[in-house]
Amino acid sequence: MLTIDERPVGVIDVPKASVPVGSKSGRYMGRSLRLDGKPECVAYPLHEMLSVGLTAQGRDYAATPARGAVLDDLDEAEFDRFRHLCSTGKGDRALAELSNVEILRSLRLVLPEQDNALTLGAILLFASIPALERFVPTADAVFQELRGTTISANETLRLPLFRMAERLST
């Protein structure tokens, strides 16, 4: 108990937890700042908890196996997009000459110790839209344009990352 301005104030000391802590009902919340700068409590989604947990362990989320993913889940057009980026000087030009599987191996997007299982990184870069939705359903970006306090553009995009970057730049 403390006294502030001659009034008793109760103090609760909560030690920092090394893992996310939820409510009895299983809800996980986090603190965030709204656009106006005011704090609020928001849902703490499972994918964010997983990413934070992997990072805390020194592991890369993109190197996580995409369980059940196969080469047919990847989109040839995304490999062609990658090759084009490499061949125009925006990447390693030697990569532009490789096959799809060689590209995946060069970028360490397959796991040789697990029968060349695809990683979430492979899905994020090269997957078809249905595969992206199936394996990483939260992989989207929201583009909003504000004019004063009015939202003049509001678009949610779920695309492989190179295509997403192109779309956002336009």
C-alpha atoms as a PDB file:
ATOM      1  CA  MET A   1       0.000   0.000   0.000  1.00  0.00           C
ATOM      2  CA  LEU A   2       1.241   3.479  -0.937  1.00  0.00           C
ATOM      3  CA  THR A   3       0.009   6.890  -0.021  1.00  0.00           C
ATOM      4  CA  ILE A   4      -0.249   9.490  -2.771  1.00  0.00           C
ATOM      5  CA  ASP A   5      -1.662  12.937  -1.986  1.00  0.00           C
ATOM      6  CA  GLU A   6      -2.661  11.568   1.420  1.00  0.00           C
ATOM      7  CA  ARG A   7      -4.776   8.850  -0.179  1.00  0.00           C
ATOM      8  CA  PRO A   8      -4.092   5.123   0.076  1.00  0.00           C
ATOM      9  CA  VAL A   9      -3.278   3.486  -3.257  1.00  0.00           C
ATOM     10  CA  GLY A  10      -3.165  -0.270  -3.757  1.00  0.00           C
ATOM     11  CA  VAL A  11      -0.165  -1.598  -5.684  1.00  0.00           C
ATOM     12  CA  ILE A  12      -0.159  -4.799  -7.679  1.00  0.00           C
ATOM     13  CA  ASP A  13       3.256  -5.952  -8.859  1.00  0.00           C
ATOM     14  CA  VAL A  14       2.992  -8.359 -11.813  1.00  0.00           C
ATOM     15  CA  PRO A  15       6.275  -9.970 -12.827  1.00  0.00           C
ATOM     16  CA  LYS A  16       7.104  -9.994 -16.537  1.00  0.00           C
ATOM     17  CA  ALA A  17       6.127 -13.314 -18.116  1.00  0.00           C
ATOM     18  CA  SER A  18       8.381 -15.040 -20.637  1.00  0.00           C
ATOM     19  CA  VAL A  19       5.361 -16.397 -22.523  1.00  0.00           C
ATOM     20  CA  PRO A  20       2.030 -14.823 -23.513  1.00  0.00           C
ATOM     21  CA  VAL A  21      -0.563 -14.943 -20.742  1.00  0.00           C
ATOM     22  CA  GLY A  22      -4.256 -15.235 -21.544  1.00  0.00           C
ATOM     23  CA  SER A  23      -7.442 -14.874 -19.574  1.00  0.00           C
ATOM     24  CA  LYS A  24      -9.283 -17.813 -18.014  1.00  0.00           C
ATOM     25  CA  SER A  25     -11.535 -17.835 -21.094  1.00  0.00           C
ATOM     26  CA  GLY A  26      -8.528 -18.162 -23.412  1.00  0.00           C
ATOM     27  CA  ARG A  27      -8.427 -14.581 -24.737  1.00  0.00           C
ATOM     28  CA  TYR A  28      -5.069 -13.005 -25.422  1.00  0.00           C
ATOM     29  CA  MET A  29      -4.870  -9.234 -25.635  1.00  0.00           C
ATOM     30  CA  GLY A  30      -2.071  -6.786 -26.332  1.00  0.00           C
ATOM     31  CA  ARG A  31      -1.619  -3.036 -26.142  1.00  0.00           C
ATOM     32  CA  SER A  32      -1.566  -0.974 -29.310  1.00  0.00           C
ATOM     33  CA  LEU A  33      -1.777   2.653 -30.358  1.00  0.00           C
ATOM     34  CA  ARG A  34      -4.676   3.850 -32.473  1.00  0.00           C
ATOM     35  CA  LEU A  35      -4.153   6.263 -35.370  1.00  0.00           C
ATOM     36  CA  ASP A  36      -4.988   9.140 -33.046  1.00  0.00           C
ATOM     37  CA  GLY A  37      -2.196   8.047 -30.672  1.00  0.00           C
ATOM     38  CA  LYS A  38      -4.477   6.779 -27.909  1.00  0.00           C
ATOM     39  CA  PRO A  39      -3.705   3.342 -26.456  1.00  0.00           C
ATOM     40  CA  GLU A  40      -6.148   0.455 -26.758  1.00  0.00           C
ATOM     41  CA  CYS A  41      -6.348  -3.263 -26.063  1.00  0.00           C
ATOM     42  CA  VAL A  42      -6.477  -5.427 -29.177  1.00  0.00           C
ATOM     43  CA  ALA A  43      -6.622  -9.147 -29.837  1.00  0.00           C
ATOM     44  CA  TYR A  44      -3.206 -10.859 -29.853  1.00  0.00           C
ATOM     45  CA  PRO A  45      -3.533 -13.339 -32.722  1.00  0.00           C
ATOM     46  CA  LEU A  46      -1.970 -16.788 -32.588  1.00  0.00           C
ATOM     47  CA  HIS A  47       0.255 -16.130 -35.623  1.00  0.00           C
ATOM     48  CA  GLU A  48       1.796 -13.117 -33.874  1.00  0.00           C
ATOM     49  CA  MET A  49       2.395 -15.147 -30.702  1.00  0.00           C
ATOM     50  CA  LEU A  50       4.041 -17.867 -32.784  1.00  0.00           C
ATOM     51  CA  SER A  51       6.256 -15.382 -34.601  1.00  0.00           C
ATOM     52  CA  VAL A  52       7.321 -13.673 -31.369  1.00  0.00           C
ATOM     53  CA  GLY A  53       7.987 -17.052 -29.748  1.00  0.00           C
ATOM     54  CA  LEU A  54      10.132 -18.241 -32.644  1.00  0.00           C
ATOM     55  CA  THR A  55      12.050 -14.963 -32.699  1.00  0.00           C
ATOM     56  CA  ALA A  56      12.674 -15.211 -28.951  1.00  0.00           C
ATOM     57  CA  GLN A  57      14.164 -18.666 -29.545  1.00  0.00           C
ATOM     58  CA  GLY A  58      16.386 -17.292 -32.307  1.00  0.00           C
ATOM     59  CA  ARG A  59      14.380 -19.098 -35.002  1.00  0.00           C
ATOM     60  CA  ASP A  60      13.180 -17.709 -38.303  1.00  0.00           C
ATOM     61  CA  TYR A  61       9.426 -17.898 -38.978  1.00  0.00           C
ATOM     62  CA  ALA A  62      10.079 -18.186 -42.721  1.00  0.00           C
ATOM     63  CA  ALA A  63      12.220 -21.307 -42.105  1.00  0.00           C
ATOM     64  CA  THR A  64       9.304 -23.119 -40.432  1.00  0.00           C
ATOM     65  CA  PRO A  65       8.060 -26.135 -42.430  1.00  0.00           C
ATOM     66  CA  ALA A  66       4.813 -25.558 -44.338  1.00  0.00           C
ATOM     67  CA  ARG A  67       3.330 -28.910 -43.333  1.00  0.00           C
ATOM     68  CA  GLY A  68       1.689 -30.629 -46.276  1.00  0.00           C
ATOM     69  CA  ALA A  69       2.836 -28.099 -48.895  1.00  0.00           C
ATOM     70  CA  VAL A  70       4.080 -29.517 -52.198  1.00  0.00           C
ATOM     71  CA  LEU A  71       5.703 -28.000 -55.285  1.00  0.00           C
ATOM     72  CA  ASP A  72       2.305 -27.883 -57.020  1.00  0.00           C
ATOM     73  CA  ASP A  73       1.245 -25.292 -54.396  1.00  0.00           C
ATOM     74  CA  LEU A  74       3.765 -22.868 -55.897  1.00  0.00           C
ATOM     75  CA  ASP A  75       2.955 -20.606 -58.840  1.00  0.00           C
ATOM     76  CA  GLU A  76       5.201 -20.646 -61.917  1.00  0.00           C
ATOM     77  CA  ALA A  77       4.365 -16.983 -62.548  1.00  0.00           C
ATOM     78  CA  GLU A  78       5.874 -16.052 -59.171  1.00  0.00           C
ATOM     79  CA  PHE A  79       9.131 -17.809 -60.080  1.00  0.00           C
ATOM     80  CA  ASP A  80       9.123 -15.918 -63.395  1.00  0.00           C
ATOM     81  CA  ARG A  81       8.551 -12.648 -61.499  1.00  0.00           C
ATOM     82  CA  PHE A  82      11.527 -13.488 -59.261  1.00  0.00           C
ATOM     83  CA  ARG A  83      13.719 -14.349 -62.271  1.00  0.00           C
ATOM     84  CA  HIS A  84      12.785 -11.054 -63.918  1.00  0.00           C
ATOM     85  CA  LEU A  85      13.719  -9.114 -60.761  1.00  0.00           C
ATOM     86  CA  CYS A  86      17.063 -10.929 -60.617  1.00  0.00           C
ATOM     87  CA  SER A  87      17.870 -10.469 -64.308  1.00  0.00           C
ATOM     88  CA  THR A  88      17.170  -6.722 -64.279  1.00  0.00           C
ATOM     89  CA  GLY A  89      19.876  -6.021 -61.741  1.00  0.00           C
ATOM     90  CA  LYS A  90      17.648  -5.920 -58.661  1.00  0.00           C
ATOM     91  CA  GLY A  91      19.023  -9.197 -57.371  1.00  0.00           C
ATOM     92  CA  ASP A  92      21.603 -11.889 -57.996  1.00  0.00           C
ATOM     93  CA  ARG A  93      21.589 -12.341 -61.789  1.00  0.00           C
ATOM     94  CA  ALA A  94      22.811 -15.947 -61.468  1.00  0.00           C
ATOM     95  CA  LEU A  95      19.535 -16.858 -59.745  1.00  0.00           C
ATOM     96  CA  ALA A  96      17.612 -15.912 -62.900  1.00  0.00           C
ATOM     97  CA  GLU A  97      19.074 -18.943 -64.695  1.00  0.00           C
ATOM     98  CA  LEU A  98      18.085 -21.541 -62.079  1.00  0.00           C
ATOM     99  CA  SER A  99      15.173 -23.984 -62.104  1.00  0.00           C
ATOM    100  CA  ASN A 100      12.386 -23.545 -59.561  1.00  0.00           C
ATOM    101  CA  VAL A 101      13.825 -26.218 -57.282  1.00  0.00           C
ATOM    102  CA  GLU A 102      17.324 -24.732 -57.562  1.00  0.00           C
ATOM    103  CA  ILE A 103      15.929 -21.306 -56.629  1.00  0.00           C
ATOM    104  CA  LEU A 104      14.226 -22.804 -53.571  1.00  0.00           C
ATOM    105  CA  ARG A 105      17.466 -24.534 -52.526  1.00  0.00           C
ATOM    106  CA  SER A 106      19.567 -21.402 -53.133  1.00  0.00           C
ATOM    107  CA  LEU A 107      17.247 -19.310 -50.975  1.00  0.00           C
ATOM    108  CA  ARG A 108      17.103 -22.076 -48.324  1.00  0.00           C
ATOM    109  CA  LEU A 109      13.339 -22.381 -48.732  1.00  0.00           C
ATOM    110  CA  VAL A 110      13.385 -26.179 -48.614  1.00  0.00           C
ATOM    111  CA  LEU A 111      14.525 -28.328 -45.700  1.00  0.00           C
ATOM    112  CA  PRO A 112      16.920 -31.055 -46.921  1.00  0.00           C
ATOM    113  CA  GLU A 113      16.812 -32.767 -43.514  1.00  0.00           C
ATOM    114  CA  GLN A 114      13.032 -33.150 -43.921  1.00  0.00           C
ATOM    115  CA  ASP A 115      12.891 -34.594 -47.461  1.00  0.00           C
ATOM    116  CA  ASN A 116      13.081 -31.099 -48.983  1.00  0.00           C
ATOM    117  CA  ALA A 117       9.886 -29.946 -47.262  1.00  0.00           C
ATOM    118  CA  LEU A 118       8.808 -26.479 -48.318  1.00  0.00           C
ATOM    119  CA  THR A 119       9.069 -23.690 -45.759  1.00  0.00           C
ATOM    120  CA  LEU A 120       6.624 -20.924 -44.977  1.00  0.00           C
ATOM    121  CA  GLY A 121       9.131 -18.629 -46.710  1.00  0.00           C
ATOM    122  CA  ALA A 122       8.612 -20.567 -49.957  1.00  0.00           C
ATOM    123  CA  ILE A 123       4.865 -20.168 -49.543  1.00  0.00           C
ATOM    124  CA  LEU A 124       5.131 -16.448 -48.785  1.00  0.00           C
ATOM    125  CA  LEU A 125       7.269 -15.801 -51.876  1.00  0.00           C
ATOM    126  CA  PHE A 126       6.032 -18.249 -54.511  1.00  0.00           C
ATOM    127  CA  ALA A 127       2.644 -19.767 -53.573  1.00  0.00           C
ATOM    128  CA  SER A 128      -0.552 -19.641 -55.545  1.00  0.00           C
ATOM    129  CA  ILE A 129      -3.275 -17.567 -53.875  1.00  0.00           C
ATOM    130  CA  PRO A 130      -5.225 -20.661 -52.691  1.00  0.00           C
ATOM    131  CA  ALA A 131      -2.046 -22.156 -51.196  1.00  0.00           C
ATOM    132  CA  LEU A 132      -1.161 -18.861 -49.531  1.00  0.00           C
ATOM    133  CA  GLU A 133      -4.651 -18.745 -47.992  1.00  0.00           C
ATOM    134  CA  ARG A 134      -4.355 -22.361 -46.846  1.00  0.00           C
ATOM    135  CA  PHE A 135      -0.852 -22.272 -45.333  1.00  0.00           C
ATOM    136  CA  VAL A 136      -0.536 -18.647 -44.161  1.00  0.00           C
ATOM    137  CA  PRO A 137      -4.113 -17.334 -43.888  1.00  0.00           C
ATOM    138  CA  THR A 138      -2.984 -14.151 -42.136  1.00  0.00           C
ATOM    139  CA  ALA A 139      -0.508 -13.135 -44.864  1.00  0.00           C
ATOM    140  CA  ASP A 140      -2.176 -10.002 -46.044  1.00  0.00           C
ATOM    141  CA  ALA A 141      -1.568  -6.289 -46.156  1.00  0.00           C
ATOM    142  CA  VAL A 142      -4.067  -3.504 -45.745  1.00  0.00           C
ATOM    143  CA  PHE A 143      -3.518  -0.367 -47.793  1.00  0.00           C
ATOM    144  CA  GLN A 144      -5.349   2.687 -46.553  1.00  0.00           C
ATOM    145  CA  GLU A 145      -5.150   6.239 -47.775  1.00  0.00           C
ATOM    146  CA  LEU A 146      -6.405   8.962 -45.483  1.00  0.00           C
ATOM    147  CA  ARG A 147      -7.500  12.399 -46.642  1.00  0.00           C
ATOM    148  CA  GLY A 148      -7.900  14.259 -43.391  1.00  0.00           C
ATOM    149  CA  THR A 149      -9.983  11.874 -41.306  1.00  0.00           C
ATOM    150  CA  THR A 150     -11.702  10.266 -44.309  1.00  0.00           C
ATOM    151  CA  ILE A 151     -10.490   6.945 -45.674  1.00  0.00           C
ATOM    152  CA  SER A 152     -10.286   7.431 -49.453  1.00  0.00           C
ATOM    153  CA  ALA A 153      -8.785   4.022 -50.217  1.00  0.00           C
ATOM    154  CA  ASN A 154      -9.080   0.814 -48.229  1.00  0.00           C
ATOM    155  CA  GLU A 155      -7.824  -2.382 -49.849  1.00  0.00           C
ATOM    156  CA  THR A 156      -6.844  -5.708 -48.328  1.00  0.00           C
ATOM    157  CA  LEU A 157      -4.304  -7.639 -50.386  1.00  0.00           C
ATOM    158  CA  ARG A 158      -3.355 -11.288 -50.069  1.00  0.00           C
ATOM    159  CA  LEU A 159      -0.581 -11.925 -52.567  1.00  0.00           C
ATOM    160  CA  PRO A 160       2.837 -13.566 -52.680  1.00  0.00           C
ATOM    161  CA  LEU A 161       5.415 -11.064 -51.435  1.00  0.00           C
ATOM    162  CA  PHE A 162       7.066 -10.006 -54.714  1.00  0.00           C
ATOM    163  CA  ARG A 163       3.669  -9.431 -56.331  1.00  0.00           C
ATOM    164  CA  MET A 164       2.516  -7.670 -53.154  1.00  0.00           C
ATOM    165  CA  ALA A 165       5.511  -5.315 -53.316  1.00  0.00           C
ATOM    166  CA  GLU A 166       4.752  -4.508 -56.948  1.00  0.00           C
ATOM    167  CA  ARG A 167       1.084  -3.876 -56.194  1.00  0.00           C
ATOM    168  CA  LEU A 168       1.819  -1.656 -53.203  1.00  0.00           C
ATOM    169  CA  SER A 169       4.355   0.377 -55.176  1.00  0.00           C
ATOM    170  CA  THR A 170       1.710   1.157 -57.816  1.00  0.00           C
END
